[in-house]
Structures are given as structure tokens and as C-alpha cells.
Amino acid sequence: MSSSFVRFCIFCMLVISSSGVRADDKPAPIELATFENADKSFTVLYPKGWLARADRNKVVAVAFGNPTNRLEAIAIGPVANPPGTTLEKWAESAKAAFKQRDPNFKPTQETIQTIADRKVWRLVFDQVQPVGTKLRITHYLVPIGDKSFTFTFVMPPGNYEGWLPTSEKIVASLKLAAPK
């Protein structure tokens, strides 16, 4: 599997492990805004008021962070699809990358579903931070043409049910620019 995808998975785990606030914070109602990346190759919705940060190492295209709750974050990144790669192969590769990073990795949910007429893979798992804070990670893989986009949502476990419709709306909002 592609080394950029494995690097993306590891980057997400590092972003996840670097936050540290209370896990019982509840999210406010979520209003969305549109983000367009610097090269104008895609747009996506994100929570209005969240801070956007492009990754200098090009592991992710953009990461969004909630300025009022550092435990809530989203990372989005494109990865190339090697010829013959199926969604199921990507899923196995991603799980292996997460397991390599964290030997205690254990999915709590895994589904292949349709969002906005796209077949996507969703993986949900919990991770305990070094400071003891528990986080819920929801990872989506969205194949589009010769690329796949990964979406990683990080939040306290108690916020998961409230976030699920918004995370699916954000995944559905991904639009690629027409080739030039």
C-alpha cells in the first residue's frame, strides 16, 4: 500500500495524541462553512470558526481544529490509488497501519456505506491519550477517480453520536475541481 497513506495514518495518530483537554466537553451546534485549498483542486465543508492549517509535509491537505475544544479535530488528505486497489484493500492497509502505530488498536465499528452516491469505508475506534483522556476516532476513506481522500474526525466518545451526521455531511461535501 502507498507510503503516503501510511504516513497519513501515522500523522493522524500524532495529531490525535498531541491534544489534551477534558473529554466531557459537549459540542455546540455545528454551523458549516466552505474551505477551498490553496491550489483550488477541491472544496469541502468544515465547522465555521474552526482553525484551518495546511500540513507543510504534505501528509494531509488540511487539518481543522476547534479553538474552544482542542479534543475536536478533522484531518483531510488525498492519497493516490495504485492500479487495482479496492476499497477493501485500502481498509486492510489502513487497519494494519493503525495497528502498527498502536498495538492496542481495536475497531469498535467498521462499515462500507454510501455517502453522496460514493462508496466509502468508515472505521471507528477509541484511543487513550498518554494523559489518560479517551478519544473516539472516525476515519473515512473516499475513493474518487485515481485518488482517495481520507477524513479523520477526532472527538471525545460522548460527542460521537452528535457528530456523526455532521461528519457524513462534511464527507459528502467534498468536490474536486474540473481538470484543466
Protein backbone atom coordinates (compact mmCIF):
# COMPACT_ATOMS: atom_id res chain seq x y z
CA MET A 1 0.00 0.00 0.00
CA SER A 2 1.13 3.54 -0.61
CA SER A 3 3.66 5.01 1.81
CA SER A 4 1.81 8.35 1.70
CA PHE A 5 -1.31 6.64 3.04
CA VAL A 6 0.66 5.02 5.89
CA ARG A 7 2.29 8.41 6.63
CA PHE A 8 -1.18 10.00 6.67
CA CYS A 9 -2.43 7.39 9.17
CA ILE A 10 0.61 7.98 11.39
CA PHE A 11 0.18 11.77 11.10
CA CYS A 12 -3.44 11.44 12.23
CA MET A 13 -2.37 9.38 15.23
CA LEU A 14 0.21 12.04 16.14
CA VAL A 15 -2.36 14.85 15.83
CA ILE A 16 -4.71 12.82 17.98
CA SER A 17 -2.11 12.14 20.65
CA SER A 18 -0.96 15.79 20.85
CA SER A 19 -4.27 17.19 22.12
CA GLY A 20 -5.21 17.26 25.75
CA VAL A 21 -8.31 18.86 27.24
CA ARG A 22 -11.30 17.49 29.16
CA ALA A 23 -13.06 14.59 27.45
CA ASP A 24 -16.51 15.52 28.76
CA ASP A 25 -16.83 18.81 26.82
CA LYS A 26 -20.04 18.81 24.72
CA PRO A 27 -20.06 20.28 21.21
CA ALA A 28 -22.10 23.38 20.41
CA PRO A 29 -24.47 23.25 17.43
CA ILE A 30 -22.34 22.98 14.31
CA GLU A 31 -22.61 25.59 11.54
CA LEU A 32 -20.57 24.81 8.42
CA ALA A 33 -18.52 26.97 6.05
CA THR A 34 -16.75 26.14 2.78
CA PHE A 35 -12.98 25.64 2.58
CA GLU A 36 -11.08 25.74 -0.72
CA ASN A 37 -7.49 24.55 -0.70
CA ALA A 38 -4.63 26.75 -1.93
CA ASP A 39 -4.31 25.17 -5.38
CA LYS A 40 -8.11 25.24 -5.79
CA SER A 41 -8.23 21.49 -6.53
CA PHE A 42 -11.01 20.77 -4.02
CA THR A 43 -13.59 22.28 -1.70
CA VAL A 44 -15.11 20.81 1.44
CA LEU A 45 -17.33 21.95 4.29
CA TYR A 46 -15.86 22.39 7.78
CA PRO A 47 -17.16 23.72 11.10
CA LYS A 48 -17.38 27.51 10.90
CA GLY A 49 -14.93 29.22 13.24
CA TRP A 50 -12.54 26.29 13.34
CA LEU A 51 -8.90 26.97 12.52
CA ALA A 52 -7.55 25.57 9.24
CA ARG A 53 -3.92 24.52 8.94
CA ALA A 54 -2.22 23.12 5.86
CA ASP A 55 0.40 20.47 6.54
CA ARG A 56 3.86 21.60 5.47
CA ASN A 57 4.95 17.98 4.96
CA LYS A 58 2.06 17.38 2.53
CA VAL A 59 0.80 14.40 4.55
CA VAL A 60 -2.65 15.97 4.77
CA ALA A 61 -4.17 18.69 2.63
CA VAL A 62 -5.71 20.47 5.60
CA ALA A 63 -6.43 19.95 9.29
CA PHE A 64 -9.18 21.81 11.15
CA GLY A 65 -9.17 22.34 14.89
CA ASN A 66 -11.86 23.53 17.25
CA PRO A 67 -10.42 26.57 19.07
CA THR A 68 -12.76 26.06 22.04
CA ASN A 69 -12.23 22.29 22.44
CA ARG A 70 -8.80 21.00 21.42
CA LEU A 71 -10.14 17.43 21.50
CA GLU A 72 -12.17 18.05 18.34
CA ALA A 73 -10.24 18.00 15.07
CA ILE A 74 -10.55 16.95 11.44
CA ALA A 75 -7.73 16.00 9.05
CA ILE A 76 -8.32 15.61 5.31
CA GLY A 77 -5.81 14.31 2.81
CA PRO A 78 -5.61 12.86 -0.70
CA VAL A 79 -3.70 9.67 -1.48
CA ALA A 80 -3.07 8.09 -4.88
CA ASN A 81 -4.90 4.87 -5.72
CA PRO A 82 -2.46 2.27 -7.05
CA PRO A 83 -3.97 0.39 -10.02
CA GLY A 84 -6.23 -2.45 -8.90
CA THR A 85 -6.69 -1.12 -5.39
CA THR A 86 -10.13 -1.83 -4.00
CA LEU A 87 -11.85 -0.17 -1.08
CA GLU A 88 -11.45 -3.43 0.84
CA LYS A 89 -7.66 -3.49 0.20
CA TRP A 90 -7.40 0.12 1.39
CA ALA A 91 -9.34 -0.81 4.52
CA GLU A 92 -6.99 -3.68 5.35
CA SER A 93 -3.95 -1.48 4.74
CA ALA A 94 -5.29 1.30 6.97
CA LYS A 95 -6.09 -1.12 9.81
CA ALA A 96 -2.58 -2.57 9.55
CA ALA A 97 -1.08 0.96 9.72
CA PHE A 98 -3.14 1.83 12.80
CA LYS A 99 -2.22 -1.49 14.44
CA GLN A 100 1.48 -0.89 13.70
CA ARG A 101 1.29 2.51 15.41
CA ASP A 102 -0.77 1.29 18.36
CA PRO A 103 -0.62 -2.41 19.29
CA ASN A 104 -3.84 -1.94 21.35
CA PHE A 105 -5.76 -0.71 18.29
CA LYS A 106 -9.19 -2.34 18.08
CA PRO A 107 -12.03 -1.08 15.83
CA THR A 108 -15.40 -0.55 17.51
CA GLN A 109 -17.23 -0.12 14.18
CA GLU A 110 -16.35 -0.78 10.57
CA THR A 111 -18.69 -0.29 7.63
CA ILE A 112 -18.72 0.24 3.90
CA GLN A 113 -21.55 2.64 3.19
CA THR A 114 -22.77 5.05 0.55
CA ILE A 115 -22.48 8.79 1.15
CA ALA A 116 -23.46 11.19 -1.66
CA ASP A 117 -23.51 8.36 -4.21
CA ARG A 118 -19.97 7.33 -3.26
CA LYS A 119 -18.98 4.02 -1.71
CA VAL A 120 -16.90 4.89 1.38
CA TRP A 121 -15.26 2.95 4.19
CA ARG A 122 -15.75 4.10 7.79
CA LEU A 123 -13.69 2.87 10.71
CA VAL A 124 -14.36 3.92 14.31
CA PHE A 125 -12.03 3.23 17.22
CA ASP A 126 -11.16 4.63 20.63
CA GLN A 127 -7.71 5.72 21.70
CA VAL A 128 -6.47 6.58 25.18
CA GLN A 129 -4.04 9.50 25.30
CA PRO A 130 -0.84 9.35 27.37
CA VAL A 131 -2.58 11.68 29.89
CA GLY A 132 -5.47 9.20 30.18
CA THR A 133 -8.00 11.10 28.02
CA LYS A 134 -10.10 8.82 25.82
CA LEU A 135 -10.84 9.93 22.25
CA ARG A 136 -13.06 8.47 19.55
CA ILE A 137 -11.54 8.42 16.06
CA THR A 138 -13.75 8.16 12.97
CA HIS A 139 -11.78 7.52 9.81
CA TYR A 140 -13.37 7.63 6.34
CA LEU A 141 -11.77 6.58 3.06
CA VAL A 142 -13.46 8.08 -0.01
CA PRO A 143 -12.24 6.88 -3.46
CA ILE A 144 -12.74 9.40 -6.27
CA GLY A 145 -11.23 8.55 -9.64
CA ASP A 146 -7.48 7.90 -9.36
CA LYS A 147 -7.33 9.33 -5.79
CA SER A 148 -8.82 8.59 -2.45
CA PHE A 149 -9.47 11.17 0.22
CA THR A 150 -9.13 10.34 3.88
CA PHE A 151 -11.15 12.15 6.52
CA THR A 152 -10.21 11.66 10.16
CA PHE A 153 -12.53 13.08 12.82
CA VAL A 154 -11.32 13.22 16.44
CA MET A 155 -13.64 13.86 19.40
CA PRO A 156 -14.47 12.73 22.93
CA PRO A 157 -16.50 9.46 22.80
CA GLY A 158 -19.58 11.15 24.28
CA ASN A 159 -19.71 13.52 21.30
CA TYR A 160 -19.67 10.76 18.65
CA GLU A 161 -23.42 10.33 18.14
CA GLY A 162 -23.94 14.09 17.89
CA TRP A 163 -21.06 14.43 15.41
CA LEU A 164 -21.94 11.52 13.11
CA PRO A 165 -24.48 13.37 10.89
CA THR A 166 -22.11 16.35 10.59
CA SER A 167 -19.13 14.16 9.73
CA GLU A 168 -21.15 12.46 6.99
CA LYS A 169 -22.27 15.87 5.68
CA ILE A 170 -18.63 17.01 5.55
CA VAL A 171 -17.58 13.82 3.71
CA ALA A 172 -20.48 14.27 1.26
CA SER A 173 -19.48 17.89 0.58
CA LEU A 174 -16.10 17.04 -0.99
CA LYS A 175 -15.93 18.45 -4.51
CA LEU A 176 -12.98 18.18 -6.86
CA ALA A 177 -12.22 20.95 -9.35
CA ALA A 178 -12.60 20.08 -13.02
CA PRO A 179 -9.26 19.10 -14.61
CA LYS A 180 -7.62 21.96 -16.51
